Amino acid sequence: GNYLGAIQNYVALQKDYGCIYCIVDLHALTTME
């Protein structure tokens, strides 16, 4: 689901755009105990 929904698109966008991809660990803290 991650691959078809997002990662595949991330890879394709690199061809025509300057891309910044972030692993949002601070966001994760909002739901992690």
ModelCIF file with pLDDT and N, C-alpha, C, O atoms, coordinates in Angstrom:
data_MODEL
#
_entry.id   MODEL 
#
_entity.id                         1 
_entity.type                       polymer 
_entity.pdbx_number_of_molecules   1 
#
_entity_poly.entity_id                      1 
_entity_poly.type                           'polypeptide(L)' 
_entity_poly.nstd_linkage                   no 
_entity_poly.nstd_monomer                   no 
_entity_poly.pdbx_seq_one_letter_code       GNYLGAIQNYVALQKDYGCIYCIVDLHALTTME 
_entity_poly.pdbx_seq_one_letter_code_can   GNYLGAIQNYVALQKDYGCIYCIVDLHALTTME 
_entity_poly.pdbx_strand_id                 A 
#
loop_
_entity_poly_seq.entity_id 
_entity_poly_seq.num 
_entity_poly_seq.mon_id 
_entity_poly_seq.hetero 
1 1  GLY n 
1 2  ASN n 
1 3  TYR n 
1 4  LEU n 
1 5  GLY n 
1 6  ALA n 
1 7  ILE n 
1 8  GLN n 
1 9  ASN n 
1 10 TYR n 
1 11 VAL n 
1 12 ALA n 
1 13 LEU n 
1 14 GLN n 
1 15 LYS n 
1 16 ASP n 
1 17 TYR n 
1 18 GLY n 
1 19 CYS n 
1 20 ILE n 
1 21 TYR n 
1 22 CYS n 
1 23 ILE n 
1 24 VAL n 
1 25 ASP n 
1 26 LEU n 
1 27 HIS n 
1 28 ALA n 
1 29 LEU n 
1 30 THR n 
1 31 THR n 
1 32 MET n 
1 33 GLU n 
#
_struct_asym.id          A 
_struct_asym.entity_id   1 
#
loop_
_ma_qa_metric.id 
_ma_qa_metric.mode 
_ma_qa_metric.name 
_ma_qa_metric.software_group_id 
_ma_qa_metric.type 
1 global pLDDT . pLDDT 
2 local  pLDDT . pLDDT 
#
_ma_qa_metric_global.metric_id      1 
_ma_qa_metric_global.metric_value   94.00 
_ma_qa_metric_global.model_id       1 
_ma_qa_metric_global.ordinal_id     1 
#
loop_
_ma_qa_metric_local.label_asym_id 
_ma_qa_metric_local.label_comp_id 
_ma_qa_metric_local.label_seq_id 
_ma_qa_metric_local.metric_id 
_ma_qa_metric_local.metric_value 
_ma_qa_metric_local.model_id 
_ma_qa_metric_local.ordinal_id 
A GLY 1  2 93.00 1 1  
A ASN 2  2 93.00 1 2  
A TYR 3  2 95.00 1 3  
A LEU 4  2 93.00 1 4  
A GLY 5  2 89.00 1 5  
A ALA 6  2 92.00 1 6  
A ILE 7  2 95.00 1 7  
A GLN 8  2 94.00 1 8  
A ASN 9  2 93.00 1 9  
A TYR 10 2 95.00 1 10 
A VAL 11 2 96.00 1 11 
A ALA 12 2 95.00 1 12 
A LEU 13 2 95.00 1 13 
A GLN 14 2 96.00 1 14 
A LYS 15 2 95.00 1 15 
A ASP 16 2 95.00 1 16 
A TYR 17 2 96.00 1 17 
A GLY 18 2 96.00 1 18 
A CYS 19 2 97.00 1 19 
A ILE 20 2 98.00 1 20 
A TYR 21 2 98.00 1 21 
A CYS 22 2 98.00 1 22 
A ILE 23 2 98.00 1 23 
A VAL 24 2 97.00 1 24 
A ASP 25 2 97.00 1 25 
A LEU 26 2 96.00 1 26 
A HIS 27 2 94.00 1 27 
A ALA 28 2 94.00 1 28 
A LEU 29 2 94.00 1 29 
A THR 30 2 91.00 1 30 
A THR 31 2 86.00 1 31 
A MET 32 2 86.00 1 32 
A GLU 33 2 82.00 1 33 
#
loop_
_atom_site.group_PDB 
_atom_site.id 
_atom_site.type_symbol 
_atom_site.label_atom_id 
_atom_site.label_alt_id 
_atom_site.label_comp_id 
_atom_site.label_asym_id 
_atom_site.label_entity_id 
_atom_site.label_seq_id 
_atom_site.pdbx_PDB_ins_code 
_atom_site.Cartn_x 
_atom_site.Cartn_y 
_atom_site.Cartn_z 
_atom_site.occupancy 
_atom_site.B_iso_or_equiv 
_atom_site.pdbx_formal_charge 
_atom_site.auth_seq_id 
_atom_site.auth_comp_id 
_atom_site.auth_asym_id 
_atom_site.auth_atom_id 
_atom_site.pdbx_PDB_model_num 
ATOM 1   N N  . GLY A 1 1  ? 0.821  -1.204 0.000   1.00 93.00 ? 1  GLY A N  1 
ATOM 2   C CA . GLY A 1 1  ? 0.000  0.000  0.000   1.00 93.00 ? 1  GLY A CA 1 
ATOM 3   C C  . GLY A 1 1  ? 0.856  1.256  0.000   1.00 93.00 ? 1  GLY A C  1 
ATOM 4   O O  . GLY A 1 1  ? 0.565  2.211  -0.720  1.00 93.00 ? 1  GLY A O  1 
ATOM 5   N N  . ASN A 1 2  ? 1.921  1.256  0.812   1.00 93.00 ? 2  ASN A N  1 
ATOM 6   C CA . ASN A 1 2  ? 2.847  2.389  0.843   1.00 93.00 ? 2  ASN A CA 1 
ATOM 7   C C  . ASN A 1 2  ? 3.514  2.590  -0.513  1.00 93.00 ? 2  ASN A C  1 
ATOM 8   O O  . ASN A 1 2  ? 3.677  3.714  -0.987  1.00 93.00 ? 2  ASN A O  1 
ATOM 9   N N  . TYR A 1 3  ? 3.892  1.474  -1.121  1.00 95.00 ? 3  TYR A N  1 
ATOM 10  C CA . TYR A 1 3  ? 4.611  1.542  -2.394  1.00 95.00 ? 3  TYR A CA 1 
ATOM 11  C C  . TYR A 1 3  ? 3.722  2.084  -3.509  1.00 95.00 ? 3  TYR A C  1 
ATOM 12  O O  . TYR A 1 3  ? 4.107  3.009  -4.225  1.00 95.00 ? 3  TYR A O  1 
ATOM 13  N N  . LEU A 1 4  ? 2.539  1.508  -3.652  1.00 93.00 ? 4  LEU A N  1 
ATOM 14  C CA . LEU A 1 4  ? 1.643  1.912  -4.740  1.00 93.00 ? 4  LEU A CA 1 
ATOM 15  C C  . LEU A 1 4  ? 1.042  3.290  -4.486  1.00 93.00 ? 4  LEU A C  1 
ATOM 16  O O  . LEU A 1 4  ? 0.751  4.029  -5.427  1.00 93.00 ? 4  LEU A O  1 
ATOM 17  N N  . GLY A 1 5  ? 0.857  3.633  -3.215  1.00 89.00 ? 5  GLY A N  1 
ATOM 18  C CA . GLY A 1 5  ? 0.207  4.890  -2.887  1.00 89.00 ? 5  GLY A CA 1 
ATOM 19  C C  . GLY A 1 5  ? 1.129  6.088  -2.800  1.00 89.00 ? 5  GLY A C  1 
ATOM 20  O O  . GLY A 1 5  ? 0.687  7.218  -3.006  1.00 89.00 ? 5  GLY A O  1 
ATOM 21  N N  . ALA A 1 6  ? 2.425  5.865  -2.493  1.00 92.00 ? 6  ALA A N  1 
ATOM 22  C CA . ALA A 1 6  ? 3.311  7.010  -2.279  1.00 92.00 ? 6  ALA A CA 1 
ATOM 23  C C  . ALA A 1 6  ? 4.704  6.829  -2.881  1.00 92.00 ? 6  ALA A C  1 
ATOM 24  O O  . ALA A 1 6  ? 5.149  7.660  -3.673  1.00 92.00 ? 6  ALA A O  1 
ATOM 25  N N  . ILE A 1 7  ? 5.392  5.750  -2.512  1.00 95.00 ? 7  ILE A N  1 
ATOM 26  C CA . ILE A 1 7  ? 6.809  5.620  -2.871  1.00 95.00 ? 7  ILE A CA 1 
ATOM 27  C C  . ILE A 1 7  ? 7.019  5.639  -4.378  1.00 95.00 ? 7  ILE A C  1 
ATOM 28  O O  . ILE A 1 7  ? 7.945  6.282  -4.871  1.00 95.00 ? 7  ILE A O  1 
ATOM 29  N N  . GLN A 1 8  ? 6.169  4.942  -5.105  1.00 94.00 ? 8  GLN A N  1 
ATOM 30  C CA . GLN A 1 8  ? 6.267  4.916  -6.560  1.00 94.00 ? 8  GLN A CA 1 
ATOM 31  C C  . GLN A 1 8  ? 6.205  6.341  -7.132  1.00 94.00 ? 8  GLN A C  1 
ATOM 32  O O  . GLN A 1 8  ? 6.938  6.686  -8.059  1.00 94.00 ? 8  GLN A O  1 
ATOM 33  N N  . ASN A 1 9  ? 5.327  7.141  -6.567  1.00 93.00 ? 9  ASN A N  1 
ATOM 34  C CA . ASN A 1 9  ? 5.177  8.525  -7.011  1.00 93.00 ? 9  ASN A CA 1 
ATOM 35  C C  . ASN A 1 9  ? 6.386  9.367  -6.623  1.00 93.00 ? 9  ASN A C  1 
ATOM 36  O O  . ASN A 1 9  ? 6.830  10.215 -7.398  1.00 93.00 ? 9  ASN A O  1 
ATOM 37  N N  . TYR A 1 10 ? 6.925  9.133  -5.415  1.00 95.00 ? 10 TYR A N  1 
ATOM 38  C CA . TYR A 1 10 ? 8.128  9.845  -4.989  1.00 95.00 ? 10 TYR A CA 1 
ATOM 39  C C  . TYR A 1 10 ? 9.252  9.667  -6.008  1.00 95.00 ? 10 TYR A C  1 
ATOM 40  O O  . TYR A 1 10 ? 9.921  10.625 -6.397  1.00 95.00 ? 10 TYR A O  1 
ATOM 41  N N  . VAL A 1 11 ? 9.438  8.431  -6.423  1.00 96.00 ? 11 VAL A N  1 
ATOM 42  C CA . VAL A 1 11 ? 10.510 8.115  -7.369  1.00 96.00 ? 11 VAL A CA 1 
ATOM 43  C C  . VAL A 1 11 ? 10.279 8.817  -8.702  1.00 96.00 ? 11 VAL A C  1 
ATOM 44  O O  . VAL A 1 11 ? 11.208 9.395  -9.267  1.00 96.00 ? 11 VAL A O  1 
ATOM 45  N N  . ALA A 1 12 ? 9.061  8.773  -9.202  1.00 95.00 ? 12 ALA A N  1 
ATOM 46  C CA . ALA A 1 12 ? 8.745  9.366  -10.502 1.00 95.00 ? 12 ALA A CA 1 
ATOM 47  C C  . ALA A 1 12 ? 8.925  10.880 -10.499 1.00 95.00 ? 12 ALA A C  1 
ATOM 48  O O  . ALA A 1 12 ? 9.361  11.447 -11.501 1.00 95.00 ? 12 ALA A O  1 
ATOM 49  N N  . LEU A 1 13 ? 8.598  11.543 -9.398  1.00 95.00 ? 13 LEU A N  1 
ATOM 50  C CA . LEU A 1 13 ? 8.675  13.001 -9.327  1.00 95.00 ? 13 LEU A CA 1 
ATOM 51  C C  . LEU A 1 13 ? 10.106 13.518 -9.439  1.00 95.00 ? 13 LEU A C  1 
ATOM 52  O O  . LEU A 1 13 ? 10.325 14.661 -9.840  1.00 95.00 ? 13 LEU A O  1 
ATOM 53  N N  . GLN A 1 14 ? 11.077 12.680 -9.086  1.00 96.00 ? 14 GLN A N  1 
ATOM 54  C CA . GLN A 1 14 ? 12.476 13.108 -9.115  1.00 96.00 ? 14 GLN A CA 1 
ATOM 55  C C  . GLN A 1 14 ? 12.945 13.540 -10.505 1.00 96.00 ? 14 GLN A C  1 
ATOM 56  O O  . GLN A 1 14 ? 13.884 14.324 -10.641 1.00 96.00 ? 14 GLN A O  1 
ATOM 57  N N  . LYS A 1 15 ? 12.283 13.020 -11.522 1.00 95.00 ? 15 LYS A N  1 
ATOM 58  C CA . LYS A 1 15 ? 12.699 13.297 -12.894 1.00 95.00 ? 15 LYS A CA 1 
ATOM 59  C C  . LYS A 1 15 ? 12.528 14.770 -13.261 1.00 95.00 ? 15 LYS A C  1 
ATOM 60  O O  . LYS A 1 15 ? 13.359 15.341 -13.967 1.00 95.00 ? 15 LYS A O  1 
ATOM 61  N N  . ASP A 1 16 ? 11.454 15.377 -12.781 1.00 95.00 ? 16 ASP A N  1 
ATOM 62  C CA . ASP A 1 16 ? 11.113 16.731 -13.220 1.00 95.00 ? 16 ASP A CA 1 
ATOM 63  C C  . ASP A 1 16 ? 11.130 17.787 -12.117 1.00 95.00 ? 16 ASP A C  1 
ATOM 64  O O  . ASP A 1 16 ? 11.001 18.977 -12.402 1.00 95.00 ? 16 ASP A O  1 
ATOM 65  N N  . TYR A 1 17 ? 11.287 17.366 -10.860 1.00 96.00 ? 17 TYR A N  1 
ATOM 66  C CA . TYR A 1 17 ? 11.195 18.319 -9.752  1.00 96.00 ? 17 TYR A CA 1 
ATOM 67  C C  . TYR A 1 17 ? 12.387 18.187 -8.809  1.00 96.00 ? 17 TYR A C  1 
ATOM 68  O O  . TYR A 1 17 ? 13.049 17.151 -8.750  1.00 96.00 ? 17 TYR A O  1 
ATOM 69  N N  . GLY A 1 18 ? 12.635 19.258 -8.082  1.00 96.00 ? 18 GLY A N  1 
ATOM 70  C CA . GLY A 1 18 ? 13.563 19.187 -6.963  1.00 96.00 ? 18 GLY A CA 1 
ATOM 71  C C  . GLY A 1 18 ? 12.790 18.673 -5.770  1.00 96.00 ? 18 GLY A C  1 
ATOM 72  O O  . GLY A 1 18 ? 11.892 19.357 -5.279  1.00 96.00 ? 18 GLY A O  1 
ATOM 73  N N  . CYS A 1 19 ? 13.113 17.487 -5.294  1.00 97.00 ? 19 CYS A N  1 
ATOM 74  C CA . CYS A 1 19 ? 12.286 16.819 -4.282  1.00 97.00 ? 19 CYS A CA 1 
ATOM 75  C C  . CYS A 1 19 ? 12.950 16.799 -2.914  1.00 97.00 ? 19 CYS A C  1 
ATOM 76  O O  . CYS A 1 19 ? 14.157 16.590 -2.793  1.00 97.00 ? 19 CYS A O  1 
ATOM 77  N N  . ILE A 1 20 ? 12.146 17.019 -1.901  1.00 98.00 ? 20 ILE A N  1 
ATOM 78  C CA . ILE A 1 20 ? 12.577 16.917 -0.510  1.00 98.00 ? 20 ILE A CA 1 
ATOM 79  C C  . ILE A 1 20 ? 11.660 15.917 0.171   1.00 98.00 ? 20 ILE A C  1 
ATOM 80  O O  . ILE A 1 20 ? 10.456 16.142 0.296   1.00 98.00 ? 20 ILE A O  1 
ATOM 81  N N  . TYR A 1 21 ? 12.246 14.807 0.611   1.00 98.00 ? 21 TYR A N  1 
ATOM 82  C CA . TYR A 1 21 ? 11.460 13.753 1.243   1.00 98.00 ? 21 TYR A CA 1 
ATOM 83  C C  . TYR A 1 21 ? 11.920 13.579 2.695   1.00 98.00 ? 21 TYR A C  1 
ATOM 84  O O  . TYR A 1 21 ? 13.108 13.418 2.972   1.00 98.00 ? 21 TYR A O  1 
ATOM 85  N N  . CYS A 1 22 ? 10.969 13.615 3.589   1.00 98.00 ? 22 CYS A N  1 
ATOM 86  C CA . CYS A 1 22 ? 11.276 13.688 5.014   1.00 98.00 ? 22 CYS A CA 1 
ATOM 87  C C  . CYS A 1 22 ? 10.629 12.547 5.791   1.00 98.00 ? 22 CYS A C  1 
ATOM 88  O O  . CYS A 1 22 ? 9.453  12.237 5.599   1.00 98.00 ? 22 CYS A O  1 
ATOM 89  N N  . ILE A 1 23 ? 11.408 11.930 6.669   1.00 98.00 ? 23 ILE A N  1 
ATOM 90  C CA . ILE A 1 23 ? 10.877 10.938 7.603   1.00 98.00 ? 23 ILE A CA 1 
ATOM 91  C C  . ILE A 1 23 ? 10.467 11.714 8.845   1.00 98.00 ? 23 ILE A C  1 
ATOM 92  O O  . ILE A 1 23 ? 11.319 12.184 9.599   1.00 98.00 ? 23 ILE A O  1 
ATOM 93  N N  . VAL A 1 24 ? 9.158  11.848 9.056   1.00 97.00 ? 24 VAL A N  1 
ATOM 94  C CA . VAL A 1 24 ? 8.652  12.791 10.057  1.00 97.00 ? 24 VAL A CA 1 
ATOM 95  C C  . VAL A 1 24 ? 8.526  12.128 11.435  1.00 97.00 ? 24 VAL A C  1 
ATOM 96  O O  . VAL A 1 24 ? 7.444  11.711 11.848  1.00 97.00 ? 24 VAL A O  1 
ATOM 97  N N  . ASP A 1 25 ? 9.656  12.047 12.124  1.00 97.00 ? 25 ASP A N  1 
ATOM 98  C CA . ASP A 1 25 ? 9.679  11.389 13.430  1.00 97.00 ? 25 ASP A CA 1 
ATOM 99  C C  . ASP A 1 25 ? 8.977  12.205 14.511  1.00 97.00 ? 25 ASP A C  1 
ATOM 100 O O  . ASP A 1 25 ? 8.417  11.631 15.445  1.00 97.00 ? 25 ASP A O  1 
ATOM 101 N N  . LEU A 1 26 ? 8.997  13.545 14.401  1.00 96.00 ? 26 LEU A N  1 
ATOM 102 C CA . LEU A 1 26 ? 8.295  14.358 15.395  1.00 96.00 ? 26 LEU A CA 1 
ATOM 103 C C  . LEU A 1 26 ? 6.782  14.162 15.280  1.00 96.00 ? 26 LEU A C  1 
ATOM 104 O O  . LEU A 1 26 ? 6.082  14.087 16.290  1.00 96.00 ? 26 LEU A O  1 
ATOM 105 N N  . HIS A 1 27 ? 6.291  14.079 14.063  1.00 94.00 ? 27 HIS A N  1 
ATOM 106 C CA . HIS A 1 27 ? 4.868  13.793 13.870  1.00 94.00 ? 27 HIS A CA 1 
ATOM 107 C C  . HIS A 1 27 ? 4.496  12.462 14.514  1.00 94.00 ? 27 HIS A C  1 
ATOM 108 O O  . HIS A 1 27 ? 3.417  12.319 15.089  1.00 94.00 ? 27 HIS A O  1 
ATOM 109 N N  . ALA A 1 28 ? 5.391  11.501 14.412  1.00 94.00 ? 28 ALA A N  1 
ATOM 110 C CA . ALA A 1 28 ? 5.106  10.166 14.951  1.00 94.00 ? 28 ALA A CA 1 
ATOM 111 C C  . ALA A 1 28 ? 4.891  10.200 16.459  1.00 94.00 ? 28 ALA A C  1 
ATOM 112 O O  . ALA A 1 28 ? 4.146  9.382  16.999  1.00 94.00 ? 28 ALA A O  1 
ATOM 113 N N  . LEU A 1 29 ? 5.540  11.144 17.143  1.00 94.00 ? 29 LEU A N  1 
ATOM 114 C CA . LEU A 1 29 ? 5.438  11.214 18.597  1.00 94.00 ? 29 LEU A CA 1 
ATOM 115 C C  . LEU A 1 29 ? 4.028  11.528 19.073  1.00 94.00 ? 29 LEU A C  1 
ATOM 116 O O  . LEU A 1 29 ? 3.692  11.258 20.226  1.00 94.00 ? 29 LEU A O  1 
ATOM 117 N N  . THR A 1 30 ? 3.199  12.092 18.203  1.00 91.00 ? 30 THR A N  1 
ATOM 118 C CA . THR A 1 30 ? 1.837  12.463 18.618  1.00 91.00 ? 30 THR A CA 1 
ATOM 119 C C  . THR A 1 30 ? 0.969  11.246 18.902  1.00 91.00 ? 30 THR A C  1 
ATOM 120 O O  . THR A 1 30 ? -0.034 11.347 19.608  1.00 91.00 ? 30 THR A O  1 
ATOM 121 N N  . THR A 1 31 ? 1.351  10.100 18.357  1.00 86.00 ? 31 THR A N  1 
ATOM 122 C CA . THR A 1 31 ? 0.544  8.893  18.578  1.00 86.00 ? 31 THR A CA 1 
ATOM 123 C C  . THR A 1 31 ? 1.331  7.766  19.251  1.00 86.00 ? 31 THR A C  1 
ATOM 124 O O  . THR A 1 31 ? 0.767  6.722  19.578  1.00 86.00 ? 31 THR A O  1 
ATOM 125 N N  . MET A 1 32 ? 2.627  7.979  19.456  1.00 86.00 ? 32 MET A N  1 
ATOM 126 C CA . MET A 1 32 ? 3.455  6.919  20.051  1.00 86.00 ? 32 MET A CA 1 
ATOM 127 C C  . MET A 1 32 ? 3.594  7.120  21.554  1.00 86.00 ? 32 MET A C  1 
ATOM 128 O O  . MET A 1 32 ? 3.859  8.231  22.015  1.00 86.00 ? 32 MET A O  1 
ATOM 129 N N  . GLU A 1 33 ? 3.418  6.054  22.312  1.00 82.00 ? 33 GLU A N  1 
ATOM 130 C CA . GLU A 1 33 ? 3.619  6.119  23.754  1.00 82.00 ? 33 GLU A CA 1 
ATOM 131 C C  . GLU A 1 33 ? 4.977  5.558  24.147  1.00 82.00 ? 33 GLU A C  1 
ATOM 132 O O  . GLU A 1 33 ? 5.316  5.534  25.331  1.00 82.00 ? 33 GLU A O  1 
#
